[in-house]
Amino acid sequence: MSKHNEHVQHWKRVHQHRNDHWHPCMRDRADCTVKAIQNAFGWSKVRAYHHNEKYGRKHGRAMNDRRWQAAFKNAGLITGREIKECDVSDYGKTLASLEKALSPTETVIVNVRRHTLSYRQGYTNDWAESRRLRVQEIWRVAS
């Protein structure tokens, strides 16, 4: 058993018996890609956390664009949803204008400078909501 697996097993024993079982993803920071995938596909945070781990995300560290885009596209394949890149001018240049242009049934993942968030049915679970951050890329997730 690897050193990491021993640590995880010990952690599970201790915290489950104390009844304060918290998964490490609940104490994670720089997890915008985890939250984006969680919201876009309706997954639990733990599932999205482990999915991003498969693509090289480390606890407490952000992912580079190439890796998180691969994770996002594979999540679409797993759920059977088509993902296509959209033109930014279709929605607006900032997050505030994008929110106004989105229809209530649309799901999109948005990339702004050094941050990623998703909108699903007009909802996002992110701090950047309604900010005037400039949108760089948009991907539409077909339902």
Protein backbone atom coordinates (compact mmCIF):
# COMPACT_ATOMS: atom_id res chain seq x y z
CA MET A 1 0.00 0.00 0.00
CA SER A 2 1.40 3.38 -0.94
CA LYS A 3 2.11 6.08 1.60
CA HIS A 4 -0.78 8.16 0.29
CA ASN A 5 -3.26 5.24 0.51
CA GLU A 6 -2.17 4.55 4.09
CA HIS A 7 -2.82 8.18 4.93
CA VAL A 8 -6.29 8.08 3.33
CA GLN A 9 -7.24 4.86 5.15
CA HIS A 10 -6.06 6.25 8.50
CA TRP A 11 -7.94 9.49 7.86
CA LYS A 12 -11.16 7.57 7.07
CA ARG A 13 -10.91 5.46 10.26
CA VAL A 14 -10.29 8.42 12.54
CA HIS A 15 -12.88 10.80 11.12
CA GLN A 16 -15.68 8.30 10.57
CA HIS A 17 -15.48 7.17 14.18
CA ARG A 18 -15.44 10.74 15.47
CA ASN A 19 -18.45 11.45 13.26
CA ASP A 20 -16.83 14.50 11.67
CA HIS A 21 -16.19 12.92 8.30
CA TRP A 22 -15.28 15.61 5.78
CA HIS A 23 -13.88 14.79 2.40
CA PRO A 24 -10.70 16.72 1.52
CA CYS A 25 -12.51 18.44 -1.35
CA MET A 26 -14.58 20.36 1.21
CA ARG A 27 -11.42 22.08 2.50
CA ASP A 28 -9.95 22.67 -0.93
CA ARG A 29 -9.05 26.07 -2.35
CA ALA A 30 -8.47 27.09 -5.96
CA ASP A 31 -11.20 24.65 -6.96
CA CYS A 32 -13.00 26.69 -9.59
CA THR A 33 -12.71 23.91 -12.18
CA VAL A 34 -14.19 21.42 -9.71
CA LYS A 35 -17.13 23.72 -9.02
CA ALA A 36 -17.61 24.42 -12.74
CA ILE A 37 -17.83 20.73 -13.62
CA GLN A 38 -19.98 20.04 -10.55
CA ASN A 39 -22.51 22.70 -11.52
CA ALA A 40 -22.50 22.08 -15.28
CA PHE A 41 -23.17 18.34 -15.06
CA GLY A 42 -25.08 18.16 -11.76
CA TRP A 43 -22.42 16.02 -10.09
CA SER A 44 -21.49 15.95 -6.43
CA LYS A 45 -18.41 17.90 -5.44
CA VAL A 46 -16.59 14.69 -4.52
CA ARG A 47 -17.23 13.15 -7.95
CA ALA A 48 -16.07 16.30 -9.75
CA TYR A 49 -13.00 16.49 -7.47
CA HIS A 50 -11.95 12.92 -8.28
CA HIS A 51 -12.71 13.40 -11.98
CA ASN A 52 -10.32 16.37 -12.10
CA GLU A 53 -7.71 14.38 -10.17
CA LYS A 54 -7.59 11.95 -13.09
CA TYR A 55 -6.49 14.84 -15.29
CA GLY A 56 -3.66 16.00 -13.07
CA ARG A 57 -5.29 18.37 -10.60
CA LYS A 58 -3.62 18.39 -7.21
CA HIS A 59 -5.34 19.32 -3.94
CA GLY A 60 -5.29 23.08 -3.40
CA ARG A 61 -3.77 23.80 -6.81
CA ALA A 62 -5.36 25.21 -9.93
CA MET A 63 -5.26 23.38 -13.27
CA ASN A 64 -3.82 24.69 -16.50
CA ASP A 65 -6.16 25.23 -19.45
CA ARG A 66 -5.12 22.18 -21.44
CA ARG A 67 -5.79 19.79 -18.56
CA TRP A 68 -9.09 21.21 -17.36
CA GLN A 69 -10.44 21.42 -20.93
CA ALA A 70 -9.65 17.71 -21.36
CA ALA A 71 -11.40 16.99 -18.05
CA PHE A 72 -14.41 19.04 -19.09
CA LYS A 73 -14.71 17.41 -22.51
CA ASN A 74 -14.40 13.92 -21.03
CA ALA A 75 -17.09 14.75 -18.46
CA GLY A 76 -19.33 15.56 -21.42
CA LEU A 77 -18.56 12.17 -22.97
CA ILE A 78 -19.30 10.40 -19.68
CA THR A 79 -22.69 12.07 -19.34
CA GLY A 80 -23.46 11.78 -23.06
CA ARG A 81 -23.69 15.51 -23.66
CA GLU A 82 -22.29 17.35 -26.63
CA ILE A 83 -19.94 20.25 -25.90
CA LYS A 84 -19.09 22.92 -28.42
CA GLU A 85 -17.20 26.15 -28.24
CA CYS A 86 -19.23 29.30 -28.87
CA ASP A 87 -18.32 32.75 -30.05
CA VAL A 88 -18.01 35.20 -27.16
CA SER A 89 -19.82 37.93 -29.10
CA ASP A 90 -23.00 35.80 -29.08
CA TYR A 91 -23.39 36.32 -25.34
CA GLY A 92 -21.56 39.49 -24.36
CA LYS A 93 -18.11 40.56 -23.34
CA THR A 94 -18.49 40.46 -19.54
CA LEU A 95 -20.09 38.06 -17.06
CA ALA A 96 -22.82 40.58 -16.27
CA SER A 97 -23.89 40.84 -19.92
CA LEU A 98 -23.54 37.07 -20.38
CA GLU A 99 -26.02 36.42 -17.56
CA LYS A 100 -28.58 38.64 -19.25
CA ALA A 101 -28.12 36.87 -22.60
CA LEU A 102 -28.41 33.30 -21.24
CA SER A 103 -31.71 31.50 -21.57
CA PRO A 104 -33.02 29.80 -18.39
CA THR A 105 -32.45 26.31 -19.82
CA GLU A 106 -28.92 26.85 -21.11
CA THR A 107 -25.77 25.36 -19.59
CA VAL A 108 -22.42 26.97 -20.33
CA ILE A 109 -18.90 26.91 -18.94
CA VAL A 110 -17.12 30.24 -19.07
CA ASN A 111 -13.43 31.00 -18.87
CA VAL A 112 -12.31 34.42 -17.67
CA ARG A 113 -8.76 35.44 -16.86
CA ARG A 114 -7.36 32.78 -14.51
CA HIS A 115 -10.82 31.60 -13.47
CA THR A 116 -13.53 29.21 -14.68
CA LEU A 117 -17.22 29.05 -13.78
CA SER A 118 -20.41 27.51 -15.10
CA TYR A 119 -24.04 28.53 -15.43
CA ARG A 120 -26.74 25.91 -15.34
CA GLN A 121 -30.38 26.97 -15.59
CA GLY A 122 -29.37 30.53 -14.74
CA TYR A 123 -27.51 29.50 -11.57
CA THR A 124 -23.82 29.51 -10.71
CA ASN A 125 -22.13 28.47 -7.47
CA ASP A 126 -19.28 30.92 -7.86
CA TRP A 127 -18.10 34.19 -6.35
CA ALA A 128 -17.65 35.81 -9.77
CA GLU A 129 -21.37 35.98 -10.50
CA SER A 130 -22.50 39.32 -12.00
CA ARG A 131 -18.99 40.73 -11.99
CA ARG A 132 -17.61 42.75 -14.85
CA LEU A 133 -14.91 40.23 -15.68
CA ARG A 134 -14.08 39.90 -19.37
CA VAL A 135 -15.15 36.59 -20.91
CA GLN A 136 -12.41 34.78 -22.87
CA GLU A 137 -14.03 31.47 -23.85
CA ILE A 138 -17.49 29.93 -23.69
CA TRP A 139 -18.51 26.29 -24.11
CA ARG A 140 -22.15 25.29 -24.47
CA VAL A 141 -23.22 21.99 -22.96
CA ALA A 142 -26.13 20.44 -24.85
CA SER A 143 -28.76 18.71 -22.75
